[in-house]
N, C-alpha and C. Protein backbone atom coordinates (compact mmCIF):
# COMPACT_ATOMS: atom_id res chain seq x y z
N MET A 1 -39.94 -40.51 33.58
CA MET A 1 -40.32 -39.22 33.95
C MET A 1 -39.98 -38.18 32.88
N THR A 2 -41.07 -37.21 32.67
CA THR A 2 -40.75 -36.19 31.51
C THR A 2 -39.83 -35.09 32.00
N ARG A 3 -39.54 -34.36 31.53
CA ARG A 3 -38.47 -33.16 31.83
C ARG A 3 -39.16 -32.27 32.76
N VAL A 4 -40.51 -32.02 32.48
CA VAL A 4 -41.37 -31.16 33.34
C VAL A 4 -41.43 -31.69 34.75
N THR A 5 -41.80 -33.14 34.77
CA THR A 5 -42.01 -33.59 36.03
C THR A 5 -40.81 -33.69 36.88
N VAL A 6 -39.53 -34.03 36.30
CA VAL A 6 -38.30 -33.85 36.86
C VAL A 6 -38.18 -32.51 37.48
N HIS A 7 -38.38 -31.54 36.70
CA HIS A 7 -38.21 -30.16 37.18
C HIS A 7 -39.13 -29.74 38.49
N GLU A 8 -40.18 -30.34 38.39
CA GLU A 8 -41.24 -30.19 39.46
C GLU A 8 -40.82 -30.82 40.69
N TYR A 9 -40.27 -32.01 40.58
CA TYR A 9 -40.01 -32.82 41.65
C TYR A 9 -38.64 -32.22 42.30
N ALA A 10 -37.74 -31.69 41.25
CA ALA A 10 -36.53 -30.96 41.96
C ALA A 10 -36.89 -29.63 42.76
N ALA A 11 -37.89 -29.06 42.04
CA ALA A 11 -38.39 -27.74 42.76
C ALA A 11 -38.91 -28.10 44.15
N SER A 12 -39.60 -29.36 44.19
CA SER A 12 -40.19 -29.59 45.54
C SER A 12 -39.03 -30.12 46.57
N LEU A 13 -37.96 -30.67 46.05
CA LEU A 13 -36.92 -31.04 47.02
C LEU A 13 -35.90 -30.14 47.20
N ALA A 14 -35.69 -29.13 46.25
CA ALA A 14 -34.67 -28.15 46.43
C ALA A 14 -34.57 -27.35 47.73
N PRO A 15 -35.62 -26.92 48.37
CA PRO A 15 -35.41 -26.17 49.69
C PRO A 15 -34.75 -27.11 50.61
N ARG A 16 -35.31 -28.33 50.88
CA ARG A 16 -34.92 -29.32 51.67
C ARG A 16 -33.35 -29.64 51.58
N TYR A 17 -33.11 -29.59 50.18
CA TYR A 17 -31.55 -30.05 49.79
C TYR A 17 -30.73 -28.92 50.19
N ARG A 18 -31.17 -27.73 49.98
CA ARG A 18 -30.30 -26.47 50.23
C ARG A 18 -30.07 -26.39 51.75
N ALA A 19 -30.98 -26.49 52.63
CA ALA A 19 -31.00 -26.54 54.07
C ALA A 19 -30.24 -27.80 54.81
N ALA A 20 -30.25 -28.69 53.88
CA ALA A 20 -29.52 -30.04 54.47
C ALA A 20 -28.00 -29.79 54.68
N ARG A 21 -27.45 -30.70 55.52
CA ARG A 21 -25.95 -31.01 55.80
C ARG A 21 -25.54 -31.90 54.72
N ARG A 22 -24.13 -32.11 54.68
CA ARG A 22 -23.52 -32.91 53.78
C ARG A 22 -24.11 -34.43 53.65
N ARG A 23 -24.38 -34.98 54.73
CA ARG A 23 -24.73 -36.44 54.68
C ARG A 23 -26.31 -36.57 54.36
N GLU A 24 -27.11 -35.62 54.81
CA GLU A 24 -28.53 -35.62 54.27
C GLU A 24 -28.61 -35.31 52.88
N LYS A 25 -27.57 -34.34 52.38
CA LYS A 25 -27.64 -34.12 50.89
C LYS A 25 -27.31 -35.20 50.09
N GLY A 26 -26.47 -36.03 50.46
CA GLY A 26 -26.28 -37.31 49.76
C GLY A 26 -27.27 -38.37 49.72
N ARG A 27 -28.11 -38.38 50.83
CA ARG A 27 -29.22 -39.30 50.66
C ARG A 27 -30.33 -38.47 49.91
N ILE A 28 -30.45 -37.30 49.84
CA ILE A 28 -31.51 -36.74 48.82
C ILE A 28 -31.21 -36.85 47.47
N LEU A 29 -29.75 -36.71 47.25
CA LEU A 29 -29.28 -36.94 45.81
C LEU A 29 -29.43 -38.41 45.44
N ASP A 30 -29.40 -39.20 46.47
CA ASP A 30 -29.57 -40.66 45.99
C ASP A 30 -30.83 -40.99 45.61
N GLU A 31 -31.73 -40.52 46.54
CA GLU A 31 -33.35 -40.63 46.15
C GLU A 31 -33.58 -39.94 44.87
N PHE A 32 -33.32 -38.71 44.63
CA PHE A 32 -33.57 -38.18 43.43
C PHE A 32 -32.90 -38.78 42.25
N CYS A 33 -31.74 -39.33 42.38
CA CYS A 33 -31.23 -40.15 41.25
C CYS A 33 -31.98 -41.36 40.89
N LYS A 34 -32.27 -42.18 41.97
CA LYS A 34 -32.96 -43.40 41.79
C LYS A 34 -34.35 -43.12 41.21
N THR A 35 -35.01 -42.02 41.60
CA THR A 35 -36.46 -41.82 41.07
C THR A 35 -36.56 -41.55 39.76
N THR A 36 -35.52 -40.42 39.46
CA THR A 36 -35.49 -39.79 38.02
C THR A 36 -34.63 -40.45 37.12
N GLY A 37 -33.72 -41.28 37.61
CA GLY A 37 -32.61 -41.83 36.48
C GLY A 37 -31.60 -40.91 35.91
N GLN A 38 -31.47 -39.73 36.54
CA GLN A 38 -30.45 -38.77 36.24
C GLN A 38 -29.17 -39.12 36.91
N HIS A 39 -28.10 -38.57 36.31
CA HIS A 39 -26.85 -38.69 37.06
C HIS A 39 -26.83 -37.74 38.17
N ARG A 40 -25.75 -38.22 39.03
CA ARG A 40 -25.80 -37.28 40.29
C ARG A 40 -25.38 -35.90 39.98
N LYS A 41 -24.41 -35.51 39.11
CA LYS A 41 -24.07 -34.14 38.75
C LYS A 41 -25.32 -33.41 38.12
N ALA A 42 -26.10 -34.07 37.40
CA ALA A 42 -27.16 -33.25 37.03
C ALA A 42 -28.29 -33.01 38.08
N ALA A 43 -28.29 -33.93 39.11
CA ALA A 43 -29.19 -33.71 40.09
C ALA A 43 -28.54 -32.66 40.96
N ILE A 44 -27.27 -32.55 41.09
CA ILE A 44 -26.74 -31.46 41.99
C ILE A 44 -27.04 -30.19 41.37
N ARG A 45 -26.99 -29.91 39.99
CA ARG A 45 -27.28 -28.75 39.36
C ARG A 45 -28.67 -28.35 39.49
N LEU A 46 -29.66 -29.17 39.29
CA LEU A 46 -30.93 -29.11 39.47
C LEU A 46 -31.55 -28.73 41.02
N LEU A 47 -30.99 -29.35 41.89
CA LEU A 47 -31.19 -29.15 43.33
C LEU A 47 -30.50 -28.06 43.85
N GLY A 48 -29.31 -27.65 43.43
CA GLY A 48 -28.66 -26.62 43.76
C GLY A 48 -29.18 -25.20 43.61
N GLY A 49 -29.99 -25.08 42.42
CA GLY A 49 -30.60 -23.99 42.09
C GLY A 49 -29.72 -22.87 41.47
N VAL A 50 -28.54 -23.10 41.39
CA VAL A 50 -27.52 -21.97 40.90
C VAL A 50 -27.50 -22.23 39.39
N ARG A 51 -28.05 -21.25 38.50
CA ARG A 51 -27.79 -21.45 37.14
C ARG A 51 -26.78 -20.64 36.60
N ARG A 52 -26.03 -21.05 35.64
CA ARG A 52 -25.04 -20.33 35.12
C ARG A 52 -25.50 -19.73 33.79
N LEU A 53 -25.48 -18.49 33.85
CA LEU A 53 -25.89 -17.71 32.75
C LEU A 53 -24.65 -17.27 31.93
N LYS A 54 -24.82 -17.55 30.59
CA LYS A 54 -23.67 -17.30 29.73
C LYS A 54 -23.53 -15.78 29.46
N THR A 55 -22.55 -15.12 29.85
CA THR A 55 -22.29 -13.84 29.66
C THR A 55 -21.89 -13.48 28.26
N ARG A 56 -22.49 -12.36 27.72
CA ARG A 56 -22.02 -11.98 26.39
C ARG A 56 -20.67 -11.10 26.62
N ARG A 57 -19.85 -11.31 25.49
CA ARG A 57 -18.58 -10.67 25.73
C ARG A 57 -18.99 -9.33 24.95
N LYS A 58 -18.27 -8.30 25.39
CA LYS A 58 -18.53 -6.91 24.60
C LYS A 58 -17.85 -7.03 23.33
N PRO A 59 -18.54 -6.57 22.30
CA PRO A 59 -17.87 -6.34 21.20
C PRO A 59 -16.73 -5.80 20.97
N ARG A 60 -15.70 -6.39 19.94
CA ARG A 60 -14.34 -5.89 20.01
C ARG A 60 -14.52 -4.27 19.43
N GLU A 61 -13.64 -3.56 19.95
CA GLU A 61 -13.60 -1.99 19.59
C GLU A 61 -13.06 -2.02 18.21
N ARG A 62 -13.58 -1.18 17.52
CA ARG A 62 -13.06 -1.10 15.98
C ARG A 62 -11.55 -0.44 15.98
N ARG A 63 -10.54 -0.94 15.50
CA ARG A 63 -9.30 -0.48 15.31
C ARG A 63 -9.23 0.77 14.27
N TYR A 64 -9.94 0.27 13.09
CA TYR A 64 -9.69 1.25 11.82
C TYR A 64 -11.09 1.60 11.54
N GLY A 65 -11.30 2.85 11.13
CA GLY A 65 -12.36 3.57 10.54
C GLY A 65 -12.78 3.12 9.13
N ARG A 66 -13.76 3.61 8.71
CA ARG A 66 -14.45 3.26 7.53
C ARG A 66 -13.46 3.55 6.26
N GLU A 67 -12.77 4.68 6.31
CA GLU A 67 -11.78 5.12 5.32
C GLU A 67 -10.80 4.03 5.22
N VAL A 68 -10.12 3.37 6.35
CA VAL A 68 -9.08 2.56 6.42
C VAL A 68 -9.71 1.27 5.76
N ALA A 69 -10.87 0.89 6.22
CA ALA A 69 -11.55 -0.25 5.76
C ALA A 69 -11.73 -0.22 4.27
N GLU A 70 -12.02 0.82 3.79
CA GLU A 70 -12.33 0.80 2.34
C GLU A 70 -10.89 0.80 1.77
N ALA A 71 -9.95 1.57 2.08
CA ALA A 71 -8.54 1.54 1.39
C ALA A 71 -8.15 0.02 1.38
N LEU A 72 -8.29 -0.67 2.66
CA LEU A 72 -7.80 -2.25 2.62
C LEU A 72 -8.61 -2.89 1.57
N LYS A 73 -9.75 -2.74 1.57
CA LYS A 73 -10.62 -3.49 0.59
C LYS A 73 -10.13 -3.16 -0.62
N ARG A 74 -9.62 -2.02 -1.11
CA ARG A 74 -9.29 -1.76 -2.37
C ARG A 74 -7.85 -2.25 -2.56
N LEU A 75 -6.83 -2.44 -1.49
CA LEU A 75 -5.64 -3.18 -1.60
C LEU A 75 -5.88 -4.79 -1.79
N TRP A 76 -7.06 -5.16 -1.01
CA TRP A 76 -7.22 -6.63 -1.17
C TRP A 76 -7.67 -6.90 -2.50
N GLU A 77 -8.47 -6.18 -3.06
CA GLU A 77 -8.87 -6.56 -4.46
C GLU A 77 -7.83 -6.47 -5.37
N VAL A 78 -6.98 -5.28 -5.35
CA VAL A 78 -5.77 -5.23 -6.31
C VAL A 78 -4.67 -6.35 -6.17
N GLY A 79 -4.65 -6.91 -4.80
CA GLY A 79 -3.78 -7.96 -4.53
C GLY A 79 -4.46 -9.40 -4.91
N ASP A 80 -5.39 -9.29 -5.58
CA ASP A 80 -6.11 -10.51 -5.95
C ASP A 80 -6.67 -11.29 -4.82
N GLN A 81 -7.22 -10.66 -3.79
CA GLN A 81 -7.94 -11.09 -2.53
C GLN A 81 -7.22 -12.28 -1.90
N MET A 82 -6.01 -11.77 -1.81
CA MET A 82 -5.25 -12.68 -0.76
C MET A 82 -5.45 -12.63 0.65
N CYS A 83 -5.00 -13.72 1.52
CA CYS A 83 -5.31 -13.90 2.90
C CYS A 83 -4.52 -12.69 3.59
N GLY A 84 -5.02 -12.29 4.90
CA GLY A 84 -4.41 -11.37 5.67
C GLY A 84 -2.96 -11.51 5.85
N LYS A 85 -2.35 -12.85 6.04
CA LYS A 85 -0.96 -12.82 6.23
C LYS A 85 -0.17 -12.48 5.12
N LEU A 86 -0.73 -12.65 3.94
CA LEU A 86 0.03 -12.49 2.69
C LEU A 86 -0.16 -11.08 2.35
N LEU A 87 -1.38 -10.47 2.57
CA LEU A 87 -1.68 -8.96 2.54
C LEU A 87 -0.84 -8.09 3.35
N LYS A 88 -0.73 -8.67 4.47
CA LYS A 88 0.23 -7.76 5.43
C LYS A 88 1.44 -7.44 4.69
N GLY A 89 2.37 -8.54 4.24
CA GLY A 89 3.52 -8.36 3.64
C GLY A 89 3.58 -7.63 2.40
N ALA A 90 2.39 -7.82 1.70
CA ALA A 90 2.24 -7.19 0.28
C ALA A 90 1.96 -5.65 0.33
N ILE A 91 1.44 -5.24 1.55
CA ILE A 91 0.87 -3.81 1.47
C ILE A 91 1.79 -2.72 0.77
N PRO A 92 3.08 -2.75 1.35
CA PRO A 92 4.07 -1.71 0.70
C PRO A 92 4.36 -1.73 -0.76
N GLU A 93 4.24 -3.03 -1.33
CA GLU A 93 4.53 -3.07 -2.69
C GLU A 93 3.22 -2.84 -3.43
N LEU A 94 2.09 -3.14 -2.87
CA LEU A 94 0.82 -2.84 -3.52
C LEU A 94 0.49 -1.21 -3.47
N LEU A 95 1.03 -0.74 -2.49
CA LEU A 95 0.92 0.89 -2.36
C LEU A 95 1.75 1.49 -3.38
N GLU A 96 2.85 1.14 -3.51
CA GLU A 96 3.97 1.35 -4.43
C GLU A 96 3.03 1.21 -5.96
N ALA A 97 2.70 0.13 -6.25
CA ALA A 97 2.15 -0.20 -7.52
C ALA A 97 0.91 0.95 -7.91
N LEU A 98 0.08 1.01 -6.73
CA LEU A 98 -1.02 2.01 -6.92
C LEU A 98 -0.67 3.50 -6.96
N GLU A 99 0.63 3.63 -6.58
CA GLU A 99 1.07 5.12 -6.49
C GLU A 99 1.58 5.31 -7.93
N ARG A 100 2.11 4.32 -8.53
CA ARG A 100 2.56 4.48 -9.90
C ARG A 100 1.42 4.66 -10.89
N ARG A 101 0.24 4.08 -10.61
CA ARG A 101 -0.96 4.28 -11.18
C ARG A 101 -1.59 5.52 -10.95
N ALA A 102 -1.18 6.15 -10.03
CA ALA A 102 -1.62 7.57 -9.66
C ALA A 102 -3.18 7.22 -9.04
N SER A 103 -3.49 6.27 -8.56
CA SER A 103 -4.84 6.14 -7.98
C SER A 103 -4.82 5.94 -6.63
N ALA A 104 -3.70 5.90 -5.98
CA ALA A 104 -3.62 5.46 -4.60
C ALA A 104 -3.15 6.68 -3.64
N ALA A 105 -3.31 7.85 -4.16
CA ALA A 105 -2.87 9.00 -3.13
C ALA A 105 -3.82 9.20 -2.11
N ALA A 106 -5.18 9.03 -2.23
CA ALA A 106 -5.93 8.96 -1.11
C ALA A 106 -5.97 7.82 -0.26
N CYS A 107 -5.60 6.67 -1.06
CA CYS A 107 -5.57 5.36 -0.36
C CYS A 107 -4.32 5.31 0.58
N GLU A 108 -3.32 6.01 0.22
CA GLU A 108 -2.15 5.82 1.14
C GLU A 108 -2.16 6.87 1.98
N ARG A 109 -2.90 8.07 1.93
CA ARG A 109 -3.02 8.97 3.09
C ARG A 109 -3.91 8.23 4.11
N ARG A 110 -5.14 7.64 3.71
CA ARG A 110 -5.87 7.06 4.80
C ARG A 110 -5.29 5.80 5.54
N PHE A 111 -4.50 5.07 4.86
CA PHE A 111 -3.99 3.99 5.34
C PHE A 111 -2.52 4.23 6.07
N ALA A 112 -1.96 5.31 5.82
CA ALA A 112 -0.41 5.54 6.22
C ALA A 112 -0.33 5.21 7.65
N GLY A 113 1.00 4.41 7.92
CA GLY A 113 1.30 4.08 9.26
C GLY A 113 0.43 2.85 9.83
N THR A 114 -0.59 2.33 9.30
CA THR A 114 -1.31 1.43 9.97
C THR A 114 -0.74 -0.14 9.50
N GLU A 115 -0.07 -0.19 8.54
CA GLU A 115 0.50 -1.47 8.22
C GLU A 115 1.61 -2.03 9.06
N GLU A 116 2.16 -1.06 9.90
CA GLU A 116 3.25 -1.58 10.94
C GLU A 116 2.44 -1.98 12.22
N ARG A 117 1.30 -1.37 12.53
CA ARG A 117 0.77 -1.71 13.90
C ARG A 117 -0.30 -2.77 13.79
N GLY A 118 -0.97 -3.05 12.44
CA GLY A 118 -2.02 -3.94 12.32
C GLY A 118 -1.42 -5.30 12.12
N SER A 119 -2.21 -6.33 12.82
CA SER A 119 -1.68 -7.79 12.71
C SER A 119 -2.44 -8.30 11.34
N CYS A 120 -2.04 -9.64 11.06
CA CYS A 120 -2.76 -10.24 9.94
C CYS A 120 -4.21 -10.34 10.36
N ALA A 121 -4.55 -10.69 11.38
CA ALA A 121 -5.89 -11.00 11.79
C ALA A 121 -6.68 -9.77 11.87
N ASP A 122 -6.02 -8.62 12.28
CA ASP A 122 -6.74 -7.35 12.19
C ASP A 122 -7.15 -6.95 10.71
N LEU A 123 -6.23 -7.19 9.74
CA LEU A 123 -6.48 -6.92 8.43
C LEU A 123 -7.71 -7.69 7.91
N GLU A 124 -7.66 -9.00 8.41
CA GLU A 124 -8.67 -9.80 7.87
C GLU A 124 -10.21 -9.39 8.48
N ARG A 125 -10.10 -9.05 9.84
CA ARG A 125 -11.33 -8.61 10.70
C ARG A 125 -11.82 -7.42 10.11
N VAL A 126 -11.21 -6.53 9.41
CA VAL A 126 -11.85 -5.17 8.87
C VAL A 126 -12.79 -5.63 7.87
N GLY A 127 -12.59 -6.67 7.44
CA GLY A 127 -13.68 -7.22 6.63
C GLY A 127 -13.76 -6.77 5.00
N TRP A 128 -13.45 -7.71 4.09
CA TRP A 128 -13.57 -7.32 2.85
C TRP A 128 -14.38 -8.22 2.08
N GLY A 129 -14.98 -9.15 2.46
CA GLY A 129 -15.83 -10.22 1.75
C GLY A 129 -16.41 -11.37 2.32
């Protein structure tokens, strides 16, 4: 049987299956499985008529703004593009080094305080490459 004919056959048996009691449902399932060659669980799903729809998860709320993301990208580039775990530990030293070079005043203001509350995964999620 083709998939289309199996679905048509299931559609014709479905009202009878849903209205039946347990013992009768077993007989209908046996008949359907014998006729179509499908497994019992697949038959139950087809005849039961309840479709599980995949629900979409809400996108994660952004923790940091564009300014912080740009500052993190700069730190990531200065830190030789290291992973988030290493970057998290290296942020204070990188900021210090950038301050010494006088190019991090704006970077530090934008990023102030976020290194303590951000996890390694958060740093990687901000997105730099």
